N, C-alpha and C. Protein backbone atom coordinates (compact mmCIF):
# COMPACT_ATOMS: atom_id res chain seq x y z
N MET A 1 21.58 -6.49 -27.82
CA MET A 1 21.15 -6.84 -26.47
C MET A 1 20.18 -8.00 -26.53
N ALA A 2 20.44 -9.02 -25.78
CA ALA A 2 19.59 -10.24 -25.79
C ALA A 2 18.26 -9.90 -25.20
N ASP A 3 17.26 -10.69 -25.64
CA ASP A 3 15.91 -10.53 -25.13
C ASP A 3 15.86 -11.03 -23.62
N ILE A 4 15.60 -10.13 -22.72
CA ILE A 4 15.60 -10.51 -21.32
C ILE A 4 14.24 -11.04 -20.82
N ALA A 5 13.21 -10.95 -21.63
CA ALA A 5 11.84 -11.34 -21.20
C ALA A 5 11.80 -12.79 -20.69
N PRO A 6 12.41 -13.77 -21.37
CA PRO A 6 12.32 -15.10 -20.86
C PRO A 6 12.96 -15.27 -19.47
N GLN A 7 14.13 -14.64 -19.29
CA GLN A 7 14.79 -14.66 -17.97
C GLN A 7 13.98 -14.02 -16.91
N LEU A 8 13.43 -12.81 -17.27
CA LEU A 8 12.61 -12.08 -16.30
C LEU A 8 11.32 -12.82 -15.97
N TYR A 9 10.64 -13.36 -16.94
CA TYR A 9 9.47 -14.16 -16.72
C TYR A 9 9.76 -15.32 -15.79
N ALA A 10 10.90 -16.01 -16.02
CA ALA A 10 11.26 -17.17 -15.27
C ALA A 10 11.57 -16.68 -13.79
N LEU A 11 12.24 -15.60 -13.60
CA LEU A 11 12.54 -15.05 -12.27
C LEU A 11 11.27 -14.74 -11.50
N LEU A 12 10.30 -14.19 -12.19
CA LEU A 12 9.02 -13.79 -11.57
C LEU A 12 8.00 -14.91 -11.55
N GLY A 13 8.30 -16.04 -12.20
CA GLY A 13 7.34 -17.17 -12.19
C GLY A 13 6.11 -16.93 -13.04
N VAL A 14 6.26 -16.22 -14.13
CA VAL A 14 5.10 -15.94 -15.01
C VAL A 14 5.42 -16.42 -16.41
N ASP A 15 4.31 -16.59 -17.18
CA ASP A 15 4.46 -17.13 -18.53
C ASP A 15 3.99 -16.12 -19.59
N THR A 16 3.21 -15.12 -19.19
CA THR A 16 2.57 -14.20 -20.22
C THR A 16 2.86 -12.82 -19.82
N LEU A 17 2.64 -11.90 -20.79
CA LEU A 17 2.77 -10.48 -20.54
C LEU A 17 1.68 -10.02 -19.55
N THR A 18 0.49 -10.56 -19.61
CA THR A 18 -0.57 -10.18 -18.68
C THR A 18 -0.18 -10.56 -17.27
N GLU A 19 0.33 -11.68 -17.08
CA GLU A 19 0.77 -12.12 -15.70
C GLU A 19 1.98 -11.25 -15.23
N PHE A 20 2.87 -10.91 -16.14
CA PHE A 20 3.99 -10.05 -15.81
C PHE A 20 3.45 -8.66 -15.32
N LEU A 21 2.47 -8.14 -16.07
CA LEU A 21 1.91 -6.85 -15.68
C LEU A 21 1.22 -6.88 -14.32
N TRP A 22 0.55 -8.00 -14.05
CA TRP A 22 -0.06 -8.16 -12.71
C TRP A 22 0.97 -8.22 -11.61
N VAL A 23 2.07 -8.89 -11.88
CA VAL A 23 3.17 -8.91 -10.88
C VAL A 23 3.74 -7.52 -10.69
N MET A 24 3.81 -6.73 -11.73
CA MET A 24 4.31 -5.39 -11.63
C MET A 24 3.30 -4.53 -10.78
N ILE A 25 1.99 -4.74 -11.01
CA ILE A 25 0.96 -4.04 -10.22
C ILE A 25 1.12 -4.40 -8.77
N GLY A 26 1.29 -5.72 -8.47
CA GLY A 26 1.45 -6.18 -7.11
C GLY A 26 2.71 -5.59 -6.44
N LEU A 27 3.83 -5.53 -7.23
CA LEU A 27 5.03 -4.89 -6.64
C LEU A 27 4.83 -3.45 -6.43
N GLY A 28 4.13 -2.76 -7.35
CA GLY A 28 3.80 -1.39 -7.17
C GLY A 28 3.00 -1.08 -5.89
N GLY A 29 2.00 -1.93 -5.63
CA GLY A 29 1.22 -1.80 -4.47
C GLY A 29 2.06 -2.03 -3.17
N GLN A 30 2.93 -3.00 -3.23
CA GLN A 30 3.83 -3.23 -2.18
C GLN A 30 4.74 -2.01 -1.86
N LEU A 31 5.24 -1.40 -2.94
CA LEU A 31 6.07 -0.21 -2.88
C LEU A 31 5.33 0.93 -2.20
N ILE A 32 4.10 1.13 -2.63
CA ILE A 32 3.25 2.22 -1.97
C ILE A 32 3.08 1.87 -0.50
N PHE A 33 2.71 0.63 -0.21
CA PHE A 33 2.42 0.24 1.18
C PHE A 33 3.70 0.35 2.04
N SER A 34 4.85 0.04 1.46
CA SER A 34 6.10 0.14 2.21
C SER A 34 6.59 1.59 2.40
N ALA A 35 6.24 2.44 1.41
CA ALA A 35 6.68 3.86 1.45
C ALA A 35 6.12 4.56 2.69
N ARG A 36 4.96 4.12 3.12
CA ARG A 36 4.35 4.79 4.30
C ARG A 36 5.29 4.74 5.52
N PHE A 37 6.03 3.63 5.66
CA PHE A 37 6.92 3.51 6.83
C PHE A 37 8.07 4.43 6.69
N LEU A 38 8.60 4.65 5.50
CA LEU A 38 9.68 5.59 5.32
C LEU A 38 9.24 7.03 5.63
N LEU A 39 8.02 7.39 5.18
CA LEU A 39 7.48 8.71 5.41
C LEU A 39 7.22 8.88 6.91
N GLN A 40 6.67 7.85 7.56
CA GLN A 40 6.46 7.98 8.99
C GLN A 40 7.75 8.20 9.72
N TRP A 41 8.75 7.45 9.35
CA TRP A 41 10.08 7.55 10.02
C TRP A 41 10.67 8.97 9.81
N ALA A 42 10.56 9.49 8.57
CA ALA A 42 11.07 10.82 8.32
C ALA A 42 10.31 11.84 9.10
N ALA A 43 8.99 11.68 9.19
CA ALA A 43 8.22 12.69 9.98
C ALA A 43 8.56 12.64 11.43
N SER A 44 8.82 11.47 11.94
CA SER A 44 9.16 11.31 13.34
C SER A 44 10.58 11.86 13.58
N GLU A 45 11.51 11.70 12.71
CA GLU A 45 12.83 12.30 12.85
C GLU A 45 12.75 13.82 12.87
N ARG A 46 11.94 14.36 11.94
CA ARG A 46 11.77 15.83 11.90
C ARG A 46 11.14 16.34 13.19
N ALA A 47 10.18 15.67 13.74
CA ALA A 47 9.49 16.08 14.93
C ALA A 47 10.27 15.80 16.19
N GLY A 48 11.24 14.88 16.13
CA GLY A 48 11.98 14.50 17.30
C GLY A 48 11.18 13.63 18.26
N ARG A 49 10.05 13.03 17.76
CA ARG A 49 9.25 12.16 18.55
C ARG A 49 8.44 11.30 17.58
N SER A 50 7.86 10.26 18.05
CA SER A 50 7.08 9.37 17.17
C SER A 50 5.78 10.03 16.75
N VAL A 51 5.57 10.19 15.44
CA VAL A 51 4.38 10.75 14.91
C VAL A 51 3.93 9.90 13.68
N VAL A 52 2.62 9.95 13.45
CA VAL A 52 2.05 9.21 12.30
C VAL A 52 1.35 10.30 11.46
N PRO A 53 1.96 10.70 10.37
CA PRO A 53 1.31 11.78 9.58
C PRO A 53 0.08 11.24 8.85
N VAL A 54 -0.77 12.10 8.51
CA VAL A 54 -2.02 11.69 7.70
C VAL A 54 -1.71 10.95 6.44
N VAL A 55 -0.61 11.32 5.75
CA VAL A 55 -0.24 10.66 4.53
C VAL A 55 0.01 9.17 4.71
N PHE A 56 0.44 8.81 5.94
CA PHE A 56 0.66 7.38 6.29
C PHE A 56 -0.66 6.60 6.00
N TRP A 57 -1.77 7.15 6.51
CA TRP A 57 -3.02 6.44 6.36
C TRP A 57 -3.55 6.42 4.95
N TRP A 58 -3.28 7.55 4.21
CA TRP A 58 -3.70 7.54 2.81
C TRP A 58 -2.88 6.54 2.00
N LEU A 59 -1.56 6.49 2.24
CA LEU A 59 -0.75 5.50 1.59
C LEU A 59 -1.17 4.08 1.96
N SER A 60 -1.60 3.91 3.16
CA SER A 60 -2.15 2.58 3.65
C SER A 60 -3.29 2.19 2.78
N ILE A 61 -4.20 3.12 2.57
CA ILE A 61 -5.47 2.82 1.75
C ILE A 61 -5.00 2.53 0.33
N ALA A 62 -4.21 3.38 -0.25
CA ALA A 62 -3.76 3.19 -1.62
C ALA A 62 -3.04 1.90 -1.85
N GLY A 63 -2.05 1.62 -0.99
CA GLY A 63 -1.32 0.38 -1.12
C GLY A 63 -2.16 -0.82 -0.96
N ALA A 64 -3.07 -0.78 0.06
CA ALA A 64 -3.94 -1.90 0.32
C ALA A 64 -4.96 -2.15 -0.87
N ALA A 65 -5.38 -1.04 -1.47
CA ALA A 65 -6.32 -1.21 -2.63
C ALA A 65 -5.62 -1.91 -3.80
N VAL A 66 -4.40 -1.47 -4.09
CA VAL A 66 -3.64 -2.08 -5.19
C VAL A 66 -3.34 -3.52 -4.84
N LEU A 67 -2.88 -3.81 -3.60
CA LEU A 67 -2.54 -5.17 -3.23
C LEU A 67 -3.83 -6.04 -3.13
N LEU A 68 -4.94 -5.49 -2.79
CA LEU A 68 -6.21 -6.26 -2.80
C LEU A 68 -6.59 -6.62 -4.26
N ALA A 69 -6.45 -5.69 -5.18
CA ALA A 69 -6.76 -5.99 -6.55
C ALA A 69 -5.86 -7.15 -7.05
N TYR A 70 -4.59 -7.08 -6.69
CA TYR A 70 -3.64 -8.14 -7.06
C TYR A 70 -4.08 -9.47 -6.49
N ALA A 71 -4.42 -9.47 -5.14
CA ALA A 71 -4.80 -10.68 -4.43
C ALA A 71 -6.06 -11.22 -5.04
N ILE A 72 -7.00 -10.36 -5.43
CA ILE A 72 -8.26 -10.91 -6.04
C ILE A 72 -7.93 -11.52 -7.41
N HIS A 73 -7.06 -10.90 -8.15
CA HIS A 73 -6.65 -11.49 -9.42
C HIS A 73 -6.04 -12.87 -9.19
N ARG A 74 -5.15 -12.98 -8.19
CA ARG A 74 -4.50 -14.24 -7.94
C ARG A 74 -5.44 -15.27 -7.28
N GLY A 75 -6.57 -14.77 -6.75
CA GLY A 75 -7.52 -15.68 -6.11
C GLY A 75 -7.04 -16.27 -4.79
N ASP A 76 -6.21 -15.48 -4.05
CA ASP A 76 -5.57 -15.94 -2.84
C ASP A 76 -6.43 -15.47 -1.56
N PRO A 77 -7.19 -16.37 -0.97
CA PRO A 77 -8.15 -15.95 0.06
C PRO A 77 -7.41 -15.41 1.31
N VAL A 78 -6.27 -15.90 1.60
CA VAL A 78 -5.49 -15.38 2.78
C VAL A 78 -5.03 -13.94 2.48
N PHE A 79 -4.49 -13.69 1.31
CA PHE A 79 -4.07 -12.42 0.94
C PHE A 79 -5.22 -11.38 0.82
N ILE A 80 -6.37 -11.90 0.23
CA ILE A 80 -7.55 -11.05 0.12
C ILE A 80 -8.08 -10.63 1.53
N LEU A 81 -8.18 -11.55 2.42
CA LEU A 81 -8.64 -11.23 3.74
C LEU A 81 -7.64 -10.30 4.44
N GLY A 82 -6.42 -10.57 4.34
CA GLY A 82 -5.39 -9.72 4.97
C GLY A 82 -5.41 -8.27 4.52
N GLN A 83 -5.60 -8.10 3.21
CA GLN A 83 -5.61 -6.71 2.68
C GLN A 83 -6.96 -6.03 2.90
N SER A 84 -8.02 -6.77 2.94
CA SER A 84 -9.30 -6.07 3.06
C SER A 84 -9.59 -5.65 4.50
N MET A 85 -9.03 -6.35 5.49
CA MET A 85 -9.30 -6.01 6.86
C MET A 85 -8.74 -4.71 7.29
N GLY A 86 -7.70 -4.19 6.67
CA GLY A 86 -7.08 -2.96 7.09
C GLY A 86 -7.86 -1.74 6.69
N PHE A 87 -8.71 -1.82 5.64
CA PHE A 87 -9.41 -0.61 5.18
C PHE A 87 -10.19 0.07 6.24
N ALA A 88 -10.89 -0.68 7.09
CA ALA A 88 -11.67 -0.01 8.15
C ALA A 88 -10.80 0.71 9.12
N ILE A 89 -9.64 0.14 9.43
CA ILE A 89 -8.70 0.76 10.39
C ILE A 89 -8.16 2.03 9.73
N TYR A 90 -7.73 1.94 8.51
CA TYR A 90 -7.11 3.08 7.81
C TYR A 90 -8.13 4.23 7.74
N ALA A 91 -9.37 3.90 7.25
CA ALA A 91 -10.40 4.92 7.14
C ALA A 91 -10.75 5.53 8.48
N ARG A 92 -10.88 4.71 9.51
CA ARG A 92 -11.22 5.22 10.85
C ARG A 92 -10.16 6.18 11.28
N ASN A 93 -8.91 5.93 11.12
CA ASN A 93 -7.87 6.87 11.56
C ASN A 93 -7.96 8.20 10.81
N ILE A 94 -8.27 8.16 9.51
CA ILE A 94 -8.41 9.38 8.76
C ILE A 94 -9.65 10.12 9.29
N TRP A 95 -10.70 9.43 9.57
CA TRP A 95 -11.92 10.02 10.09
C TRP A 95 -11.63 10.73 11.40
N LEU A 96 -10.89 10.07 12.32
CA LEU A 96 -10.59 10.61 13.60
C LEU A 96 -9.65 11.83 13.47
N ILE A 97 -8.76 11.88 12.57
CA ILE A 97 -7.86 12.99 12.40
C ILE A 97 -8.70 14.19 11.85
N ASN A 98 -9.57 13.92 10.91
CA ASN A 98 -10.42 14.96 10.42
C ASN A 98 -11.42 15.52 11.46
N ALA A 99 -11.93 14.62 12.27
CA ALA A 99 -12.87 15.04 13.38
C ALA A 99 -12.14 15.92 14.33
N GLU A 100 -10.86 15.55 14.68
CA GLU A 100 -10.10 16.41 15.54
C GLU A 100 -9.85 17.82 14.98
N LYS A 101 -9.55 17.85 13.72
CA LYS A 101 -9.30 19.12 13.04
C LYS A 101 -10.58 19.97 13.01
N ARG A 102 -11.73 19.32 12.78
CA ARG A 102 -13.02 20.09 12.86
C ARG A 102 -13.31 20.63 14.25
N SER A 103 -12.94 19.80 15.28
CA SER A 103 -13.13 20.20 16.65
C SER A 103 -12.26 21.38 16.99
N VAL A 104 -11.05 21.36 16.62
CA VAL A 104 -10.10 22.50 16.88
C VAL A 104 -10.56 23.79 16.19
N ARG A 105 -11.03 23.64 14.94
CA ARG A 105 -11.52 24.79 14.19
C ARG A 105 -12.81 25.42 14.82
N ALA A 106 -13.64 24.51 15.36
CA ALA A 106 -14.88 24.96 15.98
C ALA A 106 -14.57 25.70 17.30
N GLY A 107 -13.44 25.43 17.89
CA GLY A 107 -13.01 26.09 19.09
C GLY A 107 -13.51 25.51 20.32
């Protein structure tokens, strides 16, 4: 089997193993971030209406954190700003969901 590293590196636009690993981290973050939409879709189909499960917001935070690390490594200010802005929104939604649960339990 031929060594595929040179072709893979060229495809991804990287020259070193370290850069290759960072691209894999970035792709992993994007996969996590994208998975939230599939889970939201599945939850909505099960409910027969549009719903946003709590896991959507947790995946948003996880995906954004990984993508933010990748963006910082790349030094891309547009990407850094774009990923960092969502954290407050994601955390606020989790807080609101938990506050509602506490309110329901308190009766």
